[in-house]
């Protein structure tokens, strides 16, 4: 499955637009990660535990979006975007969305 952030794919022709596709996940923070993050907040630097958590969440949301597009019969997804929002103090949602298309 080709996924791009642009509205076109170089060397390919979009022959049919199938519609909006999306995938999301909601991840909660872990108390162990919070303790490590609190220590990093004091000393400074990247909080690798949260970086990894958000990276995993983006990949899961992207995988779910691709699965939805495949069920629609798409061969590509254009205009792919990510959105993140807080659900509550300890959890965040990552949403991947784009337009499922047929290409040749």
PDB file of N, CA and C in Angstrom:
ATOM      1  N   UNK A   1       0.852  -1.176   0.000  1.00  0.00           N
ATOM      2  CA  UNK A   1       0.000   0.000   0.000  1.00  0.00           C
ATOM      3  C   UNK A   1       0.896   1.237   0.000  1.00  0.00           C
ATOM      4  N   UNK A   2       0.697   2.091  -0.969  1.00  0.00           N
ATOM      5  CA  UNK A   2       1.432   3.353  -1.031  1.00  0.00           C
ATOM      6  C   UNK A   2       0.688   4.373  -0.172  1.00  0.00           C
ATOM      7  N   UNK A   3       1.403   5.023   0.725  1.00  0.00           N
ATOM      8  CA  UNK A   3       0.820   6.102   1.529  1.00  0.00           C
ATOM      9  C   UNK A   3       1.704   7.333   1.382  1.00  0.00           C
ATOM     10  N   UNK A   4       1.097   8.456   1.040  1.00  0.00           N
ATOM     11  CA  UNK A   4       1.852   9.693   0.845  1.00  0.00           C
ATOM     12  C   UNK A   4       1.122  10.871   1.486  1.00  0.00           C
ATOM     13  N   UNK A   5       1.898  11.880   1.824  1.00  0.00           N
ATOM     14  CA  UNK A   5       1.302  13.079   2.402  1.00  0.00           C
ATOM     15  C   UNK A   5       0.850  14.069   1.334  1.00  0.00           C
ATOM     16  N   UNK A   6       1.240  13.829   0.103  1.00  0.00           N
ATOM     17  CA  UNK A   6       0.845  14.707  -0.996  1.00  0.00           C
ATOM     18  C   UNK A   6      -0.484  14.241  -1.596  1.00  0.00           C
ATOM     19  N   UNK A   7      -1.047  15.063  -2.446  1.00  0.00           N
ATOM     20  CA  UNK A   7      -2.312  14.723  -3.100  1.00  0.00           C
ATOM     21  C   UNK A   7      -2.130  13.911  -4.363  1.00  0.00           C
ATOM     22  N   UNK A   8      -0.878  13.725  -4.782  1.00  0.00           N
ATOM     23  CA  UNK A   8      -0.569  12.949  -5.980  1.00  0.00           C
ATOM     24  C   UNK A   8       0.579  11.988  -5.673  1.00  0.00           C
ATOM     25  N   UNK A   9       0.759  11.024  -6.566  1.00  0.00           N
ATOM     26  CA  UNK A   9       1.866  10.077  -6.442  1.00  0.00           C
ATOM     27  C   UNK A   9       2.647  10.143  -7.746  1.00  0.00           C
ATOM     28  N   UNK A  10       3.909  10.498  -7.648  1.00  0.00           N
ATOM     29  CA  UNK A  10       4.747  10.640  -8.845  1.00  0.00           C
ATOM     30  C   UNK A  10       4.730   9.360  -9.665  1.00  0.00           C
ATOM     31  N   UNK A  11       4.476   9.516 -10.955  1.00  0.00           N
ATOM     32  CA  UNK A  11       4.491   8.372 -11.859  1.00  0.00           C
ATOM     33  C   UNK A  11       3.235   7.530 -11.829  1.00  0.00           C
ATOM     34  N   UNK A  12       2.258   7.908 -11.031  1.00  0.00           N
ATOM     35  CA  UNK A  12       1.008   7.147 -10.930  1.00  0.00           C
ATOM     36  C   UNK A  12      -0.167   8.064 -11.251  1.00  0.00           C
ATOM     37  N   UNK A  13      -1.236   7.461 -11.735  1.00  0.00           N
ATOM     38  CA  UNK A  13      -2.459   8.197 -12.027  1.00  0.00           C
ATOM     39  C   UNK A  13      -3.564   7.717 -11.085  1.00  0.00           C
ATOM     40  N   UNK A  14      -4.199   8.653 -10.405  1.00  0.00           N
ATOM     41  CA  UNK A  14      -5.349   8.307  -9.562  1.00  0.00           C
ATOM     42  C   UNK A  14      -6.550   8.148 -10.478  1.00  0.00           C
ATOM     43  N   UNK A  15      -7.128   6.955 -10.477  1.00  0.00           N
ATOM     44  CA  UNK A  15      -8.245   6.677 -11.376  1.00  0.00           C
ATOM     45  C   UNK A  15      -9.587   6.656 -10.647  1.00  0.00           C
ATOM     46  N   UNK A  16      -9.539   6.536  -9.319  1.00  0.00           N
ATOM     47  CA  UNK A  16     -10.792   6.539  -8.556  1.00  0.00           C
ATOM     48  C   UNK A  16     -10.507   6.963  -7.111  1.00  0.00           C
ATOM     49  N   UNK A  17     -11.372   7.810  -6.597  1.00  0.00           N
ATOM     50  CA  UNK A  17     -11.302   8.206  -5.196  1.00  0.00           C
ATOM     51  C   UNK A  17     -12.350   7.402  -4.442  1.00  0.00           C
ATOM     52  N   UNK A  18     -11.908   6.679  -3.422  1.00  0.00           N
ATOM     53  CA  UNK A  18     -12.812   5.798  -2.682  1.00  0.00           C
ATOM     54  C   UNK A  18     -13.357   6.438  -1.413  1.00  0.00           C
ATOM     55  N   UNK A  19     -12.673   7.436  -0.890  1.00  0.00           N
ATOM     56  CA  UNK A  19     -13.184   8.146   0.278  1.00  0.00           C
ATOM     57  C   UNK A  19     -12.203   8.228   1.432  1.00  0.00           C
ATOM     58  N   UNK A  20     -12.672   8.837   2.481  1.00  0.00           N
ATOM     59  CA  UNK A  20     -11.883   9.057   3.692  1.00  0.00           C
ATOM     60  C   UNK A  20     -11.603   7.737   4.398  1.00  0.00           C
ATOM     61  N   UNK A  21     -10.367   7.572   4.845  1.00  0.00           N
ATOM     62  CA  UNK A  21     -10.002   6.444   5.687  1.00  0.00           C
ATOM     63  C   UNK A  21      -9.291   6.976   6.920  1.00  0.00           C
ATOM     64  N   UNK A  22      -9.469   6.279   8.022  1.00  0.00           N
ATOM     65  CA  UNK A  22      -8.835   6.721   9.263  1.00  0.00           C
ATOM     66  C   UNK A  22      -8.532   5.526  10.145  1.00  0.00           C
ATOM     67  N   UNK A  23      -7.607   5.746  11.034  1.00  0.00           N
ATOM     68  CA  UNK A  23      -7.262   4.751  12.035  1.00  0.00           C
ATOM     69  C   UNK A  23      -6.818   5.505  13.268  1.00  0.00           C
ATOM     70  N   UNK A  24      -7.176   5.001  14.425  1.00  0.00           N
ATOM     71  CA  UNK A  24      -6.784   5.706  15.640  1.00  0.00           C
ATOM     72  C   UNK A  24      -6.449   4.728  16.751  1.00  0.00           C
ATOM     73  N   UNK A  25      -5.804   5.260  17.760  1.00  0.00           N
ATOM     74  CA  UNK A  25      -5.518   4.527  18.978  1.00  0.00           C
ATOM     75  C   UNK A  25      -5.479   5.524  20.122  1.00  0.00           C
ATOM     76  N   UNK A  26      -5.810   5.062  21.289  1.00  0.00           N
ATOM     77  CA  UNK A  26      -5.717   5.890  22.494  1.00  0.00           C
ATOM     78  C   UNK A  26      -4.759   5.188  23.428  1.00  0.00           C
ATOM     79  N   UNK A  27      -3.748   5.889  23.831  1.00  0.00           N
ATOM     80  CA  UNK A  27      -2.719   5.322  24.696  1.00  0.00           C
ATOM     81  C   UNK A  27      -2.700   6.052  26.027  1.00  0.00           C
ATOM     82  N   UNK A  28      -2.557   5.271  27.085  1.00  0.00           N
ATOM     83  CA  UNK A  28      -2.446   5.828  28.434  1.00  0.00           C
ATOM     84  C   UNK A  28      -0.995   5.756  28.882  1.00  0.00           C
ATOM     85  N   UNK A  29      -0.615   6.713  29.675  1.00  0.00           N
ATOM     86  CA  UNK A  29       0.734   6.702  30.224  1.00  0.00           C
ATOM     87  C   UNK A  29       0.835   5.630  31.294  1.00  0.00           C
ATOM     88  N   UNK A  30       2.041   5.172  31.518  1.00  0.00           N
ATOM     89  CA  UNK A  30       2.331   4.117  32.487  1.00  0.00           C
ATOM     90  C   UNK A  30       3.038   4.744  33.682  1.00  0.00           C
ATOM     91  N   UNK A  31       2.699   4.319  34.885  1.00  0.00           N
ATOM     92  CA  UNK A  31       3.277   4.909  36.100  1.00  0.00           C
ATOM     93  C   UNK A  31       4.801   4.831  36.099  1.00  0.00           C
ATOM     94  N   UNK A  32       5.365   3.733  35.602  1.00  0.00           N
ATOM     95  CA  UNK A  32       6.824   3.605  35.523  1.00  0.00           C
ATOM     96  C   UNK A  32       7.424   4.653  34.599  1.00  0.00           C
ATOM     97  N   UNK A  33       6.744   4.898  33.478  1.00  0.00           N
ATOM     98  CA  UNK A  33       7.215   5.931  32.554  1.00  0.00           C
ATOM     99  C   UNK A  33       7.067   7.314  33.170  1.00  0.00           C
ATOM    100  N   UNK A  34       6.020   7.505  33.951  1.00  0.00           N
ATOM    101  CA  UNK A  34       5.822   8.805  34.598  1.00  0.00           C
ATOM    102  C   UNK A  34       6.937   9.115  35.590  1.00  0.00           C
ATOM    103  N   UNK A  35       7.401   8.101  36.300  1.00  0.00           N
ATOM    104  CA  UNK A  35       8.492   8.308  37.263  1.00  0.00           C
ATOM    105  C   UNK A  35       9.764   8.702  36.516  1.00  0.00           C
ATOM    106  N   UNK A  36      10.070   7.977  35.448  1.00  0.00           N
ATOM    107  CA  UNK A  36      11.244   8.299  34.640  1.00  0.00           C
ATOM    108  C   UNK A  36      11.115   9.692  34.037  1.00  0.00           C
ATOM    109  N   UNK A  37       9.912  10.022  33.557  1.00  0.00           N
ATOM    110  CA  UNK A  37       9.683  11.343  32.969  1.00  0.00           C
ATOM    111  C   UNK A  37       9.870  12.442  34.007  1.00  0.00           C
ATOM    112  N   UNK A  38       9.418  12.208  35.213  1.00  0.00           N
ATOM    113  CA  UNK A  38       9.576  13.208  36.275  1.00  0.00           C
ATOM    114  C   UNK A  38      11.052  13.455  36.553  1.00  0.00           C
ATOM    115  N   UNK A  39      11.858  12.407  36.542  1.00  0.00           N
ATOM    116  CA  UNK A  39      13.298  12.569  36.747  1.00  0.00           C
ATOM    117  C   UNK A  39      13.932  13.335  35.583  1.00  0.00           C
ATOM    118  N   UNK A  40      13.505  13.025  34.359  1.00  0.00           N
ATOM    119  CA  UNK A  40      14.018  13.736  33.189  1.00  0.00           C
ATOM    120  C   UNK A  40      13.617  15.208  33.223  1.00  0.00           C
ATOM    121  N   UNK A  41      12.452  15.473  33.765  1.00  0.00           N
ATOM    122  CA  UNK A  41      11.971  16.853  33.863  1.00  0.00           C
ATOM    123  C   UNK A  41      12.888  17.676  34.757  1.00  0.00           C
ATOM    124  N   UNK A  42      13.469  17.038  35.741  1.00  0.00           N
ATOM    125  CA  UNK A  42      14.392  17.717  36.652  1.00  0.00           C
ATOM    126  C   UNK A  42      15.747  17.931  35.979  1.00  0.00           C
ATOM    127  N   UNK A  43      16.261  16.880  35.337  1.00  0.00           N
ATOM    128  CA  UNK A  43      17.601  16.942  34.749  1.00  0.00           C
ATOM    129  C   UNK A  43      17.617  17.473  33.325  1.00  0.00           C
ATOM    130  N   UNK A  44      16.478  17.440  32.650  1.00  0.00           N
ATOM    131  CA  UNK A  44      16.401  17.902  31.264  1.00  0.00           C
ATOM    132  C   UNK A  44      16.701  16.784  30.283  1.00  0.00           C
ATOM    133  N   UNK A  45      16.361  17.020  29.031  1.00  0.00           N
ATOM    134  CA  UNK A  45      16.619  16.044  27.983  1.00  0.00           C
ATOM    135  C   UNK A  45      15.353  15.400  27.464  1.00  0.00           C
ATOM    136  N   UNK A  46      15.546  14.593  26.437  1.00  0.00           N
ATOM    137  CA  UNK A  46      14.416  13.906  25.803  1.00  0.00           C
ATOM    138  C   UNK A  46      13.863  12.825  26.724  1.00  0.00           C
ATOM    139  N   UNK A  47      12.562  12.698  26.733  1.00  0.00           N
ATOM    140  CA  UNK A  47      11.904  11.642  27.505  1.00  0.00           C
ATOM    141  C   UNK A  47      11.647  10.488  26.529  1.00  0.00           C
ATOM    142  N   UNK A  48      12.650   9.615  26.430  1.00  0.00           N
ATOM    143  CA  UNK A  48      12.616   8.543  25.436  1.00  0.00           C
ATOM    144  C   UNK A  48      11.408   7.634  25.587  1.00  0.00           C
ATOM    145  N   UNK A  49      10.961   7.409  26.814  1.00  0.00           N
ATOM    146  CA  UNK A  49       9.816   6.529  27.047  1.00  0.00           C
ATOM    147  C   UNK A  49       8.566   7.067  26.358  1.00  0.00           C
ATOM    148  N   UNK A  50       8.352   8.375  26.435  1.00  0.00           N
ATOM    149  CA  UNK A  50       7.182   8.971  25.782  1.00  0.00           C
ATOM    150  C   UNK A  50       7.363   9.051  24.272  1.00  0.00           C
ATOM    151  N   UNK A  51       8.593   9.291  23.832  1.00  0.00           N
ATOM    152  CA  UNK A  51       8.874   9.307  22.398  1.00  0.00           C
ATOM    153  C   UNK A  51       8.531   7.949  21.801  1.00  0.00           C
ATOM    154  N   UNK A  52       8.948   6.873  22.474  1.00  0.00           N
ATOM    155  CA  UNK A  52       8.655   5.519  22.009  1.00  0.00           C
ATOM    156  C   UNK A  52       7.147   5.254  22.040  1.00  0.00           C
ATOM    157  N   UNK A  53       6.484   5.657  23.101  1.00  0.00           N
ATOM    158  CA  UNK A  53       5.036   5.460  23.236  1.00  0.00           C
ATOM    159  C   UNK A  53       4.283   6.131  22.090  1.00  0.00           C
ATOM    160  N   UNK A  54       4.632   7.370  21.783  1.00  0.00           N
ATOM    161  CA  UNK A  54       3.935   8.083  20.719  1.00  0.00           C
ATOM    162  C   UNK A  54       4.283   7.505  19.349  1.00  0.00           C
ATOM    163  N   UNK A  55       5.520   7.058  19.160  1.00  0.00           N
ATOM    164  CA  UNK A  55       5.900   6.421  17.900  1.00  0.00           C
ATOM    165  C   UNK A  55       5.105   5.146  17.661  1.00  0.00           C
ATOM    166  N   UNK A  56       4.954   4.343  18.700  1.00  0.00           N
ATOM    167  CA  UNK A  56       4.157   3.114  18.599  1.00  0.00           C
ATOM    168  C   UNK A  56       2.694   3.439  18.305  1.00  0.00           C
ATOM    169  N   UNK A  57       2.182   4.491  18.927  1.00  0.00           N
ATOM    170  CA  UNK A  57       0.789   4.891  18.703  1.00  0.00           C
ATOM    171  C   UNK A  57       0.587   5.343  17.257  1.00  0.00           C
ATOM    172  N   UNK A  58       1.530   6.112  16.710  1.00  0.00           N
ATOM    173  CA  UNK A  58       1.422   6.549  15.309  1.00  0.00           C
ATOM    174  C   UNK A  58       1.428   5.354  14.369  1.00  0.00           C
ATOM    175  N   UNK A  59       2.315   4.391  14.615  1.00  0.00           N
ATOM    176  CA  UNK A  59       2.386   3.201  13.762  1.00  0.00           C
ATOM    177  C   UNK A  59       1.090   2.388  13.822  1.00  0.00           C
ATOM    178  N   UNK A  60       0.525   2.253  15.020  1.00  0.00           N
ATOM    179  CA  UNK A  60      -0.727   1.500  15.145  1.00  0.00           C
ATOM    180  C   UNK A  60      -1.866   2.219  14.434  1.00  0.00           C
ATOM    181  N   UNK A  61      -1.954   3.530  14.582  1.00  0.00           N
ATOM    182  CA  UNK A  61      -2.996   4.294  13.899  1.00  0.00           C
ATOM    183  C   UNK A  61      -2.831   4.177  12.383  1.00  0.00           C
ATOM    184  N   UNK A  62      -1.588   4.255  11.893  1.00  0.00           N
ATOM    185  CA  UNK A  62      -1.317   4.129  10.465  1.00  0.00           C
ATOM    186  C   UNK A  62      -1.699   2.739   9.968  1.00  0.00           C
ATOM    187  N   UNK A  63      -1.342   1.696  10.705  1.00  0.00           N
ATOM    188  CA  UNK A  63      -1.704   0.328  10.327  1.00  0.00           C
ATOM    189  C   UNK A  63      -3.217   0.157  10.246  1.00  0.00           C
ATOM    190  N   UNK A  64      -3.941   0.737  11.184  1.00  0.00           N
ATOM    191  CA  UNK A  64      -5.408   0.624  11.182  1.00  0.00           C
ATOM    192  C   UNK A  64      -6.014   1.372   9.998  1.00  0.00           C
ATOM    193  N   UNK A  65      -5.436   2.519   9.642  1.00  0.00           N
ATOM    194  CA  UNK A  65      -5.922   3.270   8.488  1.00  0.00           C
ATOM    195  C   UNK A  65      -5.694   2.457   7.209  1.00  0.00           C
ATOM    196  N   UNK A  66      -4.514   1.870   7.072  1.00  0.00           N
ATOM    197  CA  UNK A  66      -4.199   1.060   5.895  1.00  0.00           C
ATOM    198  C   UNK A  66      -5.135  -0.145   5.810  1.00  0.00           C
ATOM    199  N   UNK A  67      -5.412  -0.782   6.927  1.00  0.00           N
ATOM    200  CA  UNK A  67      -6.332  -1.926   6.945  1.00  0.00           C
ATOM    201  C   UNK A  67      -7.719  -1.519   6.438  1.00  0.00           C
ATOM    202  N   UNK A  68      -8.177  -0.360   6.865  1.00  0.00           N
ATOM    203  CA  UNK A  68      -9.481   0.137   6.406  1.00  0.00           C
ATOM    204  C   UNK A  68      -9.463   0.381   4.897  1.00  0.00           C
ATOM    205  N   UNK A  69      -8.382   0.989   4.397  1.00  0.00           N
ATOM    206  CA  UNK A  69      -8.264   1.264   2.960  1.00  0.00           C
ATOM    207  C   UNK A  69      -8.238  -0.037   2.154  1.00  0.00           C
ATOM    208  N   UNK A  70      -7.530  -1.030   2.656  1.00  0.00           N
ATOM    209  CA  UNK A  70      -7.474  -2.315   1.955  1.00  0.00           C
ATOM    210  C   UNK A  70      -8.853  -2.952   1.874  1.00  0.00           C
ATOM    211  N   UNK A  71      -9.642  -2.842   2.931  1.00  0.00           N
ATOM    212  CA  UNK A  71     -11.003  -3.389   2.921  1.00  0.00           C
ATOM    213  C   UNK A  71     -11.881  -2.678   1.895  1.00  0.00           C
ATOM    214  N   UNK A  72     -11.557  -1.409   1.609  1.00  0.00           N
ATOM    215  CA  UNK A  72     -12.307  -0.642   0.606  1.00  0.00           C
ATOM    216  C   UNK A  72     -11.824  -0.942  -0.811  1.00  0.00           C
ATOM    217  N   UNK A  73     -10.731  -1.688  -0.937  1.00  0.00           N
ATOM    218  CA  UNK A  73     -10.179  -2.002  -2.241  1.00  0.00           C
ATOM    219  C   UNK A  73      -9.204  -0.959  -2.760  1.00  0.00           C
ATOM    220  N   UNK A  74      -8.666  -0.125  -1.902  1.00  0.00           N
ATOM    221  CA  UNK A  74      -7.730   0.925  -2.313  1.00  0.00           C
ATOM    222  C   UNK A  74      -6.358   0.342  -2.617  1.00  0.00           C
ATOM    223  N   UNK A  75      -5.646   1.004  -3.492  1.00  0.00           N
ATOM    224  CA  UNK A  75      -4.258   0.635  -3.769  1.00  0.00           C
ATOM    225  C   UNK A  75      -3.285   1.681  -3.237  1.00  0.00           C
ATOM    226  N   UNK A  76      -3.827   2.810  -2.738  1.00  0.00           N
ATOM    227  CA  UNK A  76      -2.973   3.855  -2.173  1.00  0.00           C
ATOM    228  C   UNK A  76      -3.820   4.766  -1.282  1.00  0.00           C
ATOM    229  N   UNK A  77      -3.110   5.533  -0.461  1.00  0.00           N
ATOM    230  CA  UNK A  77      -3.755   6.562   0.361  1.00  0.00           C
ATOM    231  C   UNK A  77      -2.972   7.850   0.161  1.00  0.00           C
ATOM    232  N   UNK A  78      -3.677   8.903  -0.233  1.00  0.00           N
ATOM    233  CA  UNK A  78      -3.038  10.201  -0.427  1.00  0.00           C
ATOM    234  C   UNK A  78      -3.476  11.168   0.666  1.00  0.00           C
ATOM    235  N   UNK A  79      -2.752  12.279   0.761  1.00  0.00           N
ATOM    236  CA  UNK A  79      -3.055  13.323   1.754  1.00  0.00           C
ATOM    237  C   UNK A  79      -3.085  12.784   3.184  1.00  0.00           C
ATOM    238  N   UNK A  80      -2.145  11.907   3.523  1.00  0.00           N
ATOM    239  CA  UNK A  80      -2.101  11.308   4.857  1.00  0.00           C
ATOM    240  C   UNK A  80      -1.690  12.363   5.879  1.00  0.00           C
ATOM    241  N   UNK A  81      -2.413  12.398   6.985  1.00  0.00           N
ATOM    242  CA  UNK A  81      -2.145  13.337   8.073  1.00  0.00           C
ATOM    243  C   UNK A  81      -2.263  12.611   9.405  1.00  0.00           C
ATOM    244  N   UNK A  82      -1.644  13.200  10.425  1.00  0.00           N
ATOM    245  CA  UNK A  82      -1.760  12.712  11.796  1.00  0.00           C
ATOM    246  C   UNK A  82      -2.303  13.830  12.667  1.00  0.00           C
ATOM    247  N   UNK A  83      -3.076  13.446  13.644  1.00  0.00           N
ATOM    248  CA  UNK A  83      -3.599  14.390  14.624  1.00  0.00           C
ATOM    249  C   UNK A  83      -3.476  13.749  16.000  1.00  0.00           C
ATOM    250  N   UNK A  84      -3.136  14.561  16.977  1.00  0.00           N
ATOM    251  CA  UNK A  84      -3.020  14.076  18.346  1.00  0.00           C
ATOM    252  C   UNK A  84      -3.878  14.943  19.243  1.00  0.00           C
ATOM    253  N   UNK A  85      -4.595  14.318  20.150  1.00  0.00           N
ATOM    254  CA  UNK A  85      -5.395  15.094  21.104  1.00  0.00           C
ATOM    255  C   UNK A  85      -5.406  14.386  22.453  1.00  0.00           C
ATOM    256  N   UNK A  86      -5.515  15.172  23.483  1.00  0.00           N
ATOM    257  CA  UNK A  86      -5.594  14.612  24.825  1.00  0.00           C
ATOM    258  C   UNK A  86      -7.030  14.219  25.112  1.00  0.00           C
ATOM    259  N   UNK A  87      -7.202  13.017  25.626  1.00  0.00           N
ATOM    260  CA  UNK A  87      -8.523  12.519  26.002  1.00  0.00           C
ATOM    261  C   UNK A  87      -8.786  12.865  27.456  1.00  0.00           C
ATOM    262  N   UNK A  88      -7.766  12.682  28.265  1.00  0.00           N
ATOM    263  CA  UNK A  88      -7.812  13.043  29.682  1.00  0.00           C
ATOM    264  C   UNK A  88      -6.365  13.235  30.118  1.00  0.00           C
ATOM    265  N   UNK A  89      -6.140  13.557  31.357  1.00  0.00           N
ATOM    266  CA  UNK A  89      -4.801  13.861  31.832  1.00  0.00           C
ATOM    267  C   UNK A  89      -3.772  12.776  31.601  1.00  0.00           C
ATOM    268  N   UNK A  90      -4.193  11.535  31.557  1.00  0.00           N
ATOM    269  CA  UNK A  90      -3.252  10.415  31.443  1.00  0.00           C
ATOM    270  C   UNK A  90      -3.313   9.695  30.097  1.00  0.00           C
ATOM    271  N   UNK A  91      -4.101  10.173  29.137  1.00  0.00           N
ATOM    272  CA  UNK A  91      -4.248   9.458  27.869  1.00  0.00           C
ATOM    273  C   UNK A  91      -4.330  10.429  26.700  1.00  0.00           C
ATOM    274  N   UNK A  92      -3.830   9.963  25.547  1.00  0.00           N
ATOM    275  CA  UNK A  92      -3.870  10.757  24.325  1.00  0.00           C
ATOM    276  C   UNK A  92      -4.319   9.878  23.160  1.00  0.00           C
ATOM    277  N   UNK A  93      -4.980  10.506  22.205  1.00  0.00           N
ATOM    278  CA  UNK A  93      -5.401   9.815  20.991  1.00  0.00           C
ATOM    279  C   UNK A  93      -4.485  10.229  19.850  1.00  0.00           C
ATOM    280  N   UNK A  94      -4.109   9.262  19.027  1.00  0.00           N
ATOM    281  CA  UNK A  94      -3.409   9.539  17.785  1.00  0.00           C
ATOM    282  C   UNK A  94      -4.330   9.069  16.665  1.00  0.00           C
ATOM    283  N   UNK A  95      -4.604   9.973  15.725  1.00  0.00           N
ATOM    284  CA  UNK A  95      -5.482   9.686  14.594  1.00  0.00           C
ATOM    285  C   UNK A  95      -4.685   9.849  13.307  1.00  0.00           C
ATOM    286  N   UNK A  96      -4.731   8.844  12.449  1.00  0.00           N
ATOM    287  CA  UNK A  96      -4.154   8.930  11.091  1.00  0.00           C
ATOM    288  C   UNK A  96      -5.325   8.940  10.130  1.00  0.00           C
ATOM    289  N   UNK A  97      -5.271   9.845   9.149  1.00  0.00           N
ATOM    290  CA  UNK A  97      -6.363   9.903   8.173  1.00  0.00           C
ATOM    291  C   UNK A  97      -5.846  10.323   6.817  1.00  0.00           C
ATOM    292  N   UNK A  98      -6.588   9.967   5.792  1.00  0.00           N
ATOM    293  CA  UNK A  98      -6.220  10.304   4.417  1.00  0.00           C
ATOM    294  C   UNK A  98      -7.333   9.913   3.473  1.00  0.00           C
ATOM    295  N   UNK A  99      -7.042   9.967   2.184  1.00  0.00           N
ATOM    296  CA  UNK A  99      -8.018   9.639   1.149  1.00  0.00           C
ATOM    297  C   UNK A  99      -7.597   8.367   0.437  1.00  0.00           C
ATOM    298  N   UNK A 100      -8.455   7.357   0.492  1.00  0.00           N
ATOM    299  CA  UNK A 100      -8.196   6.087  -0.186  1.00  0.00           C
ATOM    300  C   UNK A 100      -8.472   6.252  -1.662  1.00  0.00           C
ATOM    301  N   UNK A 101      -7.542   5.763  -2.499  1.00  0.00           N
ATOM    302  CA  UNK A 101      -7.676   5.895  -3.952  1.00  0.00           C
ATOM    303  C   UNK A 101      -7.257   4.609  -4.656  1.00  0.00           C
ATOM    304  N   UNK A 102      -7.663   4.514  -5.904  1.00  0.00           N
ATOM    305  CA  UNK A 102      -7.175   3.481  -6.814  1.00  0.00           C
ATOM    306  C   UNK A 102      -6.193   4.161  -7.763  1.00  0.00           C
ATOM    307  N   UNK A 103      -5.044   3.547  -7.967  1.00  0.00           N
ATOM    308  CA  UNK A 103      -4.054   4.116  -8.889  1.00  0.00           C
ATOM    309  C   UNK A 103      -3.722   3.107  -9.970  1.00  0.00           C
ATOM    310  N   UNK A 104      -3.163   3.626 -11.069  1.00  0.00           N
ATOM    311  CA  UNK A 104      -2.639   2.724 -12.101  1.00  0.00           C
ATOM    312  C   UNK A 104      -1.298   3.240 -12.553  1.00  0.00           C
TER     313      UNK A 104
END
